[in-house]
Amino acid sequence: MGERMPDGKDKPSAGGKRIVIAIDGPAGSGKSTLAALLARKYNYTNIETGAMYRALAFKAAQHGIPLDDGAKLAALAQQSQIELVPRPEGNRVVLDGADVTERLRSQEVTDAASKVSIHPPVREWMVDSQRKMGAGGGIVMEGRDIGTKVFPDAEVKIFLDAAPEIRGTRRFLENPASAAQEASVVAELHARDQRDRTRANSPLVPAPDAVLIDSTYLTLDQVLARAVELIDARLSWMQEQREMQA
């Protein structure tokens, strides 16, 4: 597994230090949108962990592998090459050399990814891959266990949340042409919340040192402003510490 860096990604960010920004939270909270905006602002790489799970779920369906067979799914992951290729309009997902971005957008693939992600061997492989991708810093990584498992030492940790009904409506509006009714989307989101929060390996919980942003009554601009405030404060503090030690 690897990640292709676009031109200009080595441009220094504020404070001269390229850090890890971890964003966790439940489905529909706005993690992907916030991560993309922050990556653009700080000229960082946006690593969408959800896209990686969706790619594996898609491949499992193509090979007829049951979603409850953790061992076979982990073996499939070991044989897979998943790349996130940055583009101005967002990452493209390349699976074994083929662009599968559009094929991962269906609700079926999203639901399958949630079921794939509960298996410890699969998560272990994903965590190892994600750590390698972000080892050099300069990344925004969003998911459900980034601040607790993947990068517990991330310089900035954000837990983005919202009321379940609000998240369900947002998820429905992302794909209003879908045959699914809004009520069924909300019901599936509740089920996914339950799976994510109660799984044995890396359950969805805020890291002890994460800052909670509840976006229920906030606009996107307000959420972004709060996140930028947190990141800039952290970068400034780190710069001050370096100057004191110089």
C-alpha atoms as a PDB file:
ATOM      1  CA  MET A   1       0.000   0.000   0.000  1.00  0.00           C
ATOM      2  CA  GLY A   2       1.282   3.486  -0.715  1.00  0.00           C
ATOM      3  CA  GLU A   3       0.276   7.068  -1.274  1.00  0.00           C
ATOM      4  CA  ARG A   4       1.197   9.333  -4.135  1.00  0.00           C
ATOM      5  CA  MET A   5       2.106  12.837  -3.136  1.00  0.00           C
ATOM      6  CA  PRO A   6       1.016  15.735  -5.352  1.00  0.00           C
ATOM      7  CA  ASP A   7       3.400  18.535  -6.303  1.00  0.00           C
ATOM      8  CA  GLY A   8       3.927  21.101  -3.584  1.00  0.00           C
ATOM      9  CA  LYS A   9       3.258  18.831  -0.630  1.00  0.00           C
ATOM     10  CA  ASP A  10       6.689  19.593   0.812  1.00  0.00           C
ATOM     11  CA  LYS A  11       5.799  23.240   1.333  1.00  0.00           C
ATOM     12  CA  PRO A  12       6.303  24.114   5.039  1.00  0.00           C
ATOM     13  CA  SER A  13       3.206  24.726   7.110  1.00  0.00           C
ATOM     14  CA  ALA A  14       2.720  27.363   9.785  1.00  0.00           C
ATOM     15  CA  GLY A  15       5.422  27.115  12.435  1.00  0.00           C
ATOM     16  CA  GLY A  16       7.696  25.099  10.134  1.00  0.00           C
ATOM     17  CA  LYS A  17       6.590  21.774  11.641  1.00  0.00           C
ATOM     18  CA  ARG A  18       4.574  19.223   9.700  1.00  0.00           C
ATOM     19  CA  ILE A  19       2.310  17.549  12.212  1.00  0.00           C
ATOM     20  CA  VAL A  20      -0.349  14.847  12.350  1.00  0.00           C
ATOM     21  CA  ILE A  21      -3.946  16.068  12.611  1.00  0.00           C
ATOM     22  CA  ALA A  22      -6.263  13.260  13.740  1.00  0.00           C
ATOM     23  CA  ILE A  23     -10.019  13.589  13.248  1.00  0.00           C
ATOM     24  CA  ASP A  24     -12.292  10.920  14.693  1.00  0.00           C
ATOM     25  CA  GLY A  25     -16.051  10.669  14.947  1.00  0.00           C
ATOM     26  CA  PRO A  26     -19.129   8.705  13.914  1.00  0.00           C
ATOM     27  CA  ALA A  27     -20.581   8.399  10.432  1.00  0.00           C
ATOM     28  CA  GLY A  28     -22.185  11.559   9.084  1.00  0.00           C
ATOM     29  CA  SER A  29     -20.400  13.908  11.475  1.00  0.00           C
ATOM     30  CA  GLY A  30     -18.560  15.683   8.654  1.00  0.00           C
ATOM     31  CA  LYS A  31     -15.084  14.246   9.176  1.00  0.00           C
ATOM     32  CA  SER A  32     -14.285  13.821   5.494  1.00  0.00           C
ATOM     33  CA  THR A  33     -15.341  17.349   4.566  1.00  0.00           C
ATOM     34  CA  LEU A  34     -13.406  18.900   7.446  1.00  0.00           C
ATOM     35  CA  ALA A  35     -10.307  16.817   6.705  1.00  0.00           C
ATOM     36  CA  ALA A  36     -10.317  17.852   3.051  1.00  0.00           C
ATOM     37  CA  LEU A  37     -10.631  21.543   3.941  1.00  0.00           C
ATOM     38  CA  LEU A  38      -7.852  21.374   6.528  1.00  0.00           C
ATOM     39  CA  ALA A  39      -5.545  19.480   4.184  1.00  0.00           C
ATOM     40  CA  ARG A  40      -6.062  22.170   1.560  1.00  0.00           C
ATOM     41  CA  LYS A  41      -5.469  25.019   4.025  1.00  0.00           C
ATOM     42  CA  TYR A  42      -2.244  23.606   5.478  1.00  0.00           C
ATOM     43  CA  ASN A  43      -1.059  21.953   2.270  1.00  0.00           C
ATOM     44  CA  TYR A  44      -1.160  18.558   3.955  1.00  0.00           C
ATOM     45  CA  THR A  45      -2.047  15.137   2.602  1.00  0.00           C
ATOM     46  CA  ASN A  46      -5.598  14.000   3.346  1.00  0.00           C
ATOM     47  CA  ILE A  47      -5.738  10.302   4.215  1.00  0.00           C
ATOM     48  CA  GLU A  48      -9.305   8.974   4.180  1.00  0.00           C
ATOM     49  CA  THR A  49      -9.251   5.770   6.168  1.00  0.00           C
ATOM     50  CA  GLY A  50     -12.916   5.118   5.396  1.00  0.00           C
ATOM     51  CA  ALA A  51     -12.083   4.956   1.698  1.00  0.00           C
ATOM     52  CA  MET A  52      -9.518   2.276   2.449  1.00  0.00           C
ATOM     53  CA  TYR A  53     -12.096   0.104   4.214  1.00  0.00           C
ATOM     54  CA  ARG A  54     -14.602   0.677   1.429  1.00  0.00           C
ATOM     55  CA  ALA A  55     -12.028  -0.408  -1.137  1.00  0.00           C
ATOM     56  CA  LEU A  56     -11.387  -3.632   0.756  1.00  0.00           C
ATOM     57  CA  ALA A  57     -15.120  -4.268   1.184  1.00  0.00           C
ATOM     58  CA  PHE A  58     -15.622  -3.727  -2.536  1.00  0.00           C
ATOM     59  CA  LYS A  59     -12.862  -6.178  -3.370  1.00  0.00           C
ATOM     60  CA  ALA A  60     -14.301  -8.725  -0.930  1.00  0.00           C
ATOM     61  CA  ALA A  61     -17.641  -8.520  -2.724  1.00  0.00           C
ATOM     62  CA  GLN A  62     -15.892  -8.975  -6.074  1.00  0.00           C
ATOM     63  CA  HIS A  63     -14.221 -12.148  -4.770  1.00  0.00           C
ATOM     64  CA  GLY A  64     -17.293 -13.482  -2.964  1.00  0.00           C
ATOM     65  CA  ILE A  65     -15.642 -13.372   0.457  1.00  0.00           C
ATOM     66  CA  PRO A  66     -18.157 -13.333   3.345  1.00  0.00           C
ATOM     67  CA  LEU A  67     -18.037 -10.154   5.411  1.00  0.00           C
ATOM     68  CA  ASP A  68     -18.039 -12.179   8.627  1.00  0.00           C
ATOM     69  CA  ASP A  69     -14.855 -14.098   7.746  1.00  0.00           C
ATOM     70  CA  GLY A  70     -12.125 -12.003   9.340  1.00  0.00           C
ATOM     71  CA  ALA A  71      -9.297 -14.378   8.432  1.00  0.00           C
ATOM     72  CA  LYS A  72     -10.130 -14.391   4.723  1.00  0.00           C
ATOM     73  CA  LEU A  73     -10.642 -10.625   4.699  1.00  0.00           C
ATOM     74  CA  ALA A  74      -7.255 -10.078   6.338  1.00  0.00           C
ATOM     75  CA  ALA A  75      -5.619 -12.386   3.813  1.00  0.00           C
ATOM     76  CA  LEU A  76      -7.301 -10.440   1.019  1.00  0.00           C
ATOM     77  CA  ALA A  77      -5.989  -7.176   2.472  1.00  0.00           C
ATOM     78  CA  GLN A  78      -2.445  -8.553   2.466  1.00  0.00           C
ATOM     79  CA  GLN A  79      -2.790  -9.131  -1.277  1.00  0.00           C
ATOM     80  CA  SER A  80      -4.221  -5.685  -2.000  1.00  0.00           C
ATOM     81  CA  GLN A  81      -2.703  -2.408  -3.145  1.00  0.00           C
ATOM     82  CA  ILE A  82      -4.795   0.573  -2.090  1.00  0.00           C
ATOM     83  CA  GLU A  83      -3.659   4.069  -3.023  1.00  0.00           C
ATOM     84  CA  LEU A  84      -5.172   7.461  -2.287  1.00  0.00           C
ATOM     85  CA  VAL A  85      -4.287   9.772  -5.136  1.00  0.00           C
ATOM     86  CA  PRO A  86      -4.806  13.476  -4.335  1.00  0.00           C
ATOM     87  CA  ARG A  87      -6.675  15.554  -6.903  1.00  0.00           C
ATOM     88  CA  PRO A  88      -8.051  19.116  -6.679  1.00  0.00           C
ATOM     89  CA  GLU A  89     -11.578  17.735  -6.411  1.00  0.00           C
ATOM     90  CA  GLY A  90     -10.569  15.188  -3.759  1.00  0.00           C
ATOM     91  CA  ASN A  91      -8.766  11.889  -3.452  1.00  0.00           C
ATOM     92  CA  ARG A  92      -9.144   9.196  -6.072  1.00  0.00           C
ATOM     93  CA  VAL A  93      -9.096   5.650  -4.728  1.00  0.00           C
ATOM     94  CA  VAL A  94      -6.963   3.250  -6.737  1.00  0.00           C
ATOM     95  CA  LEU A  95      -7.367  -0.435  -5.964  1.00  0.00           C
ATOM     96  CA  ASP A  96      -4.796  -2.782  -7.482  1.00  0.00           C
ATOM     97  CA  GLY A  97      -4.081  -0.228 -10.205  1.00  0.00           C
ATOM     98  CA  ALA A  98      -7.708   0.561 -11.088  1.00  0.00           C
ATOM     99  CA  ASP A  99      -9.578   3.735 -10.154  1.00  0.00           C
ATOM    100  CA  VAL A 100     -12.629   2.563  -8.198  1.00  0.00           C
ATOM    101  CA  THR A 101     -13.609   5.899  -6.654  1.00  0.00           C
ATOM    102  CA  GLU A 102     -17.089   6.105  -8.142  1.00  0.00           C
ATOM    103  CA  ARG A 103     -17.856   2.469  -7.397  1.00  0.00           C
ATOM    104  CA  LEU A 104     -17.238   3.014  -3.672  1.00  0.00           C
ATOM    105  CA  ARG A 105     -19.931   5.660  -3.226  1.00  0.00           C
ATOM    106  CA  SER A 106     -22.931   3.323  -2.940  1.00  0.00           C
ATOM    107  CA  GLN A 107     -24.678   2.752   0.384  1.00  0.00           C
ATOM    108  CA  GLU A 108     -24.107  -0.982  -0.036  1.00  0.00           C
ATOM    109  CA  VAL A 109     -20.334  -0.551  -0.092  1.00  0.00           C
ATOM    110  CA  THR A 110     -20.466   1.862   2.846  1.00  0.00           C
ATOM    111  CA  ASP A 111     -22.493  -0.615   4.905  1.00  0.00           C
ATOM    112  CA  ALA A 112     -20.144  -3.449   3.931  1.00  0.00           C
ATOM    113  CA  ALA A 113     -17.111  -1.405   4.973  1.00  0.00           C
ATOM    114  CA  SER A 114     -18.549  -1.020   8.459  1.00  0.00           C
ATOM    115  CA  LYS A 115     -18.893  -4.798   8.736  1.00  0.00           C
ATOM    116  CA  VAL A 116     -15.403  -5.404   7.380  1.00  0.00           C
ATOM    117  CA  SER A 117     -13.889  -2.968   9.867  1.00  0.00           C
ATOM    118  CA  ILE A 118     -14.984  -4.869  12.989  1.00  0.00           C
ATOM    119  CA  HIS A 119     -12.483  -7.701  12.422  1.00  0.00           C
ATOM    120  CA  PRO A 120      -9.269  -7.279  14.494  1.00  0.00           C
ATOM    121  CA  PRO A 121      -6.932  -8.779  11.834  1.00  0.00           C
ATOM    122  CA  VAL A 122      -8.285  -6.356   9.235  1.00  0.00           C
ATOM    123  CA  ARG A 123      -7.943  -3.362  11.551  1.00  0.00           C
ATOM    124  CA  GLU A 124      -4.401  -4.375  12.488  1.00  0.00           C
ATOM    125  CA  TRP A 125      -3.409  -4.448   8.821  1.00  0.00           C
ATOM    126  CA  MET A 126      -5.108  -1.109   8.205  1.00  0.00           C
ATOM    127  CA  VAL A 127      -3.503   0.528  11.251  1.00  0.00           C
ATOM    128  CA  ASP A 128      -0.043  -0.636  10.173  1.00  0.00           C
ATOM    129  CA  SER A 129      -0.607   0.682   6.651  1.00  0.00           C
ATOM    130  CA  GLN A 130      -1.960   4.010   7.886  1.00  0.00           C
ATOM    131  CA  ARG A 131       0.970   4.524  10.238  1.00  0.00           C
ATOM    132  CA  LYS A 132       3.385   4.003   7.373  1.00  0.00           C
ATOM    133  CA  MET A 133       1.472   6.508   5.230  1.00  0.00           C
ATOM    134  CA  GLY A 134       1.612   9.178   7.938  1.00  0.00           C
ATOM    135  CA  ALA A 135       5.044   8.501   9.385  1.00  0.00           C
ATOM    136  CA  GLY A 136       6.545  11.716   8.028  1.00  0.00           C
ATOM    137  CA  GLY A 137       3.809  14.013   9.337  1.00  0.00           C
ATOM    138  CA  GLY A 138       2.113  16.633   7.210  1.00  0.00           C
ATOM    139  CA  ILE A 139      -1.136  14.680   7.131  1.00  0.00           C
ATOM    140  CA  VAL A 140      -4.770  14.996   8.067  1.00  0.00           C
ATOM    141  CA  MET A 141      -6.170  11.553   8.847  1.00  0.00           C
ATOM    142  CA  GLU A 142      -9.828  10.952   9.600  1.00  0.00           C
ATOM    143  CA  GLY A 143     -11.508   7.819  10.843  1.00  0.00           C
ATOM    144  CA  ARG A 144     -12.770   6.248  14.038  1.00  0.00           C
ATOM    145  CA  ASP A 145      -9.612   5.232  15.898  1.00  0.00           C
ATOM    146  CA  ILE A 146      -6.954   7.615  14.603  1.00  0.00           C
ATOM    147  CA  GLY A 147      -6.329   9.468  17.860  1.00  0.00           C
ATOM    148  CA  THR A 148      -6.673   6.369  20.029  1.00  0.00           C
ATOM    149  CA  LYS A 149      -4.985   3.653  17.971  1.00  0.00           C
ATOM    150  CA  VAL A 150      -3.325   4.759  14.735  1.00  0.00           C
ATOM    151  CA  PHE A 151      -1.625   7.941  15.950  1.00  0.00           C
ATOM    152  CA  PRO A 152      -2.057   8.182  19.734  1.00  0.00           C
ATOM    153  CA  ASP A 153       0.738  10.781  19.757  1.00  0.00           C
ATOM    154  CA  ALA A 154      -0.845  13.021  17.108  1.00  0.00           C
ATOM    155  CA  GLU A 155      -0.180  16.681  17.824  1.00  0.00           C
ATOM    156  CA  VAL A 156      -3.815  17.641  17.225  1.00  0.00           C
ATOM    157  CA  LYS A 157      -6.774  15.375  17.967  1.00  0.00           C
ATOM    158  CA  ILE A 158     -10.339  16.335  17.151  1.00  0.00           C
ATOM    159  CA  PHE A 159     -13.452  14.289  17.888  1.00  0.00           C
ATOM    160  CA  LEU A 160     -16.220  15.544  15.618  1.00  0.00           C
ATOM    161  CA  ASP A 161     -19.739  14.594  16.596  1.00  0.00           C
ATOM    162  CA  ALA A 162     -23.384  15.573  16.016  1.00  0.00           C
ATOM    163  CA  ALA A 163     -26.819  14.357  17.048  1.00  0.00           C
ATOM    164  CA  PRO A 164     -27.719  11.049  15.332  1.00  0.00           C
ATOM    165  CA  GLU A 165     -30.755  12.505  13.572  1.00  0.00           C
ATOM    166  CA  ILE A 166     -28.669  15.351  12.130  1.00  0.00           C
ATOM    167  CA  ARG A 167     -25.981  12.953  10.962  1.00  0.00           C
ATOM    168  CA  GLY A 168     -28.567  10.679   9.369  1.00  0.00           C
ATOM    169  CA  THR A 169     -30.106  13.567   7.445  1.00  0.00           C
ATOM    170  CA  ARG A 170     -26.685  14.683   6.248  1.00  0.00           C
ATOM    171  CA  ARG A 171     -25.829  11.199   5.064  1.00  0.00           C
ATOM    172  CA  PHE A 172     -29.150  10.930   3.202  1.00  0.00           C
ATOM    173  CA  LEU A 173     -28.628  14.304   1.506  1.00  0.00           C
ATOM    174  CA  GLU A 174     -25.216  13.174   0.276  1.00  0.00           C
ATOM    175  CA  ASN A 175     -27.027  10.784  -2.043  1.00  0.00           C
ATOM    176  CA  PRO A 176     -30.685  11.904  -2.301  1.00  0.00           C
ATOM    177  CA  ALA A 177     -31.179   9.980  -5.550  1.00  0.00           C
ATOM    178  CA  SER A 178     -30.672   6.721  -3.679  1.00  0.00           C
ATOM    179  CA  ALA A 179     -33.625   4.390  -3.402  1.00  0.00           C
ATOM    180  CA  ALA A 180     -33.164   4.341   0.360  1.00  0.00           C
ATOM    181  CA  GLN A 181     -35.603   6.405   2.406  1.00  0.00           C
ATOM    182  CA  GLU A 182     -34.248   8.898   4.903  1.00  0.00           C
ATOM    183  CA  ALA A 183     -35.661   6.881   7.806  1.00  0.00           C
ATOM    184  CA  SER A 184     -33.801   3.762   6.676  1.00  0.00           C
ATOM    185  CA  VAL A 185     -30.556   5.726   6.337  1.00  0.00           C
ATOM    186  CA  VAL A 186     -30.957   6.996   9.908  1.00  0.00           C
ATOM    187  CA  ALA A 187     -31.721   3.458  11.120  1.00  0.00           C
ATOM    188  CA  GLU A 188     -28.604   2.066   9.440  1.00  0.00           C
ATOM    189  CA  LEU A 189     -26.548   4.875  10.936  1.00  0.00           C
ATOM    190  CA  HIS A 190     -27.793   3.919  14.407  1.00  0.00           C
ATOM    191  CA  ALA A 191     -26.818   0.310  13.703  1.00  0.00           C
ATOM    192  CA  ARG A 192     -23.399   1.383  12.502  1.00  0.00           C
ATOM    193  CA  ASP A 193     -22.912   3.535  15.599  1.00  0.00           C
ATOM    194  CA  GLN A 194     -23.633   0.470  17.710  1.00  0.00           C
ATOM    195  CA  ARG A 195     -21.114  -1.662  15.790  1.00  0.00           C
ATOM    196  CA  ASP A 196     -18.437   1.019  15.921  1.00  0.00           C
ATOM    197  CA  ARG A 197     -18.829   1.828  19.608  1.00  0.00           C
ATOM    198  CA  THR A 198     -19.036  -1.760  20.859  1.00  0.00           C
ATOM    199  CA  ARG A 199     -16.487  -3.619  18.727  1.00  0.00           C
ATOM    200  CA  ALA A 200     -13.754  -5.346  20.720  1.00  0.00           C
ATOM    201  CA  ASN A 201     -10.860  -3.925  18.713  1.00  0.00           C
ATOM    202  CA  SER A 202     -10.455  -0.117  18.582  1.00  0.00           C
ATOM    203  CA  PRO A 203     -14.010   0.930  19.491  1.00  0.00           C
ATOM    204  CA  LEU A 204     -15.185   4.419  18.572  1.00  0.00           C
ATOM    205  CA  VAL A 205     -14.353   6.546  21.613  1.00  0.00           C
ATOM    206  CA  PRO A 206     -12.751   9.991  21.911  1.00  0.00           C
ATOM    207  CA  ALA A 207      -9.078  10.002  22.852  1.00  0.00           C
ATOM    208  CA  PRO A 208      -8.600  11.367  26.378  1.00  0.00           C
ATOM    209  CA  ASP A 209      -6.780  14.411  25.008  1.00  0.00           C
ATOM    210  CA  ALA A 210      -9.049  14.994  21.988  1.00  0.00           C
ATOM    211  CA  VAL A 211     -11.029  18.216  21.657  1.00  0.00           C
ATOM    212  CA  LEU A 212     -14.720  17.580  21.093  1.00  0.00           C
ATOM    213  CA  ILE A 213     -16.473  19.633  18.425  1.00  0.00           C
ATOM    214  CA  ASP A 214     -20.243  19.108  18.343  1.00  0.00           C
ATOM    215  CA  SER A 215     -21.409  20.208  14.908  1.00  0.00           C
ATOM    216  CA  THR A 216     -25.137  19.684  15.535  1.00  0.00           C
ATOM    217  CA  TYR A 217     -25.892  23.411  15.508  1.00  0.00           C
ATOM    218  CA  LEU A 218     -22.765  24.662  13.742  1.00  0.00           C
ATOM    219  CA  THR A 219     -22.245  25.612  10.114  1.00  0.00           C
ATOM    220  CA  LEU A 220     -19.343  24.145   8.185  1.00  0.00           C
ATOM    221  CA  ASP A 221     -17.529  27.476   8.360  1.00  0.00           C
ATOM    222  CA  GLN A 222     -17.891  27.504  12.141  1.00  0.00           C
ATOM    223  CA  VAL A 223     -16.558  23.962  12.461  1.00  0.00           C
ATOM    224  CA  LEU A 224     -13.623  24.798  10.219  1.00  0.00           C
ATOM    225  CA  ALA A 225     -12.845  27.978  12.161  1.00  0.00           C
ATOM    226  CA  ARG A 226     -12.795  26.071  15.452  1.00  0.00           C
ATOM    227  CA  ALA A 227     -10.489  23.397  14.032  1.00  0.00           C
ATOM    228  CA  VAL A 228      -8.120  26.000  12.548  1.00  0.00           C
ATOM    229  CA  GLU A 229      -8.039  27.790  15.900  1.00  0.00           C
ATOM    230  CA  LEU A 230      -6.967  24.566  17.616  1.00  0.00           C
ATOM    231  CA  ILE A 231      -4.320  23.718  15.022  1.00  0.00           C
ATOM    232  CA  ASP A 232      -2.817  27.195  14.872  1.00  0.00           C
ATOM    233  CA  ALA A 233      -2.634  27.337  18.672  1.00  0.00           C
ATOM    234  CA  ARG A 234      -0.809  24.025  18.734  1.00  0.00           C
ATOM    235  CA  LEU A 235       1.625  25.054  16.000  1.00  0.00           C
ATOM    236  CA  SER A 236       2.339  28.340  17.777  1.00  0.00           C
ATOM    237  CA  TRP A 237       2.985  26.556  21.057  1.00  0.00           C
ATOM    238  CA  MET A 238       5.364  24.116  19.384  1.00  0.00           C
ATOM    239  CA  GLN A 239       7.213  26.998  17.730  1.00  0.00           C
ATOM    240  CA  GLU A 240       7.587  28.733  21.083  1.00  0.00           C
ATOM    241  CA  GLN A 241       8.966  25.552  22.658  1.00  0.00           C
ATOM    242  CA  ARG A 242      11.555  25.233  19.894  1.00  0.00           C
ATOM    243  CA  GLU A 243      12.639  28.838  20.298  1.00  0.00           C
ATOM    244  CA  MET A 244      13.003  28.410  24.060  1.00  0.00           C
ATOM    245  CA  GLN A 245      15.213  25.374  23.549  1.00  0.00           C
ATOM    246  CA  ALA A 246      17.337  27.013  20.833  1.00  0.00           C
END
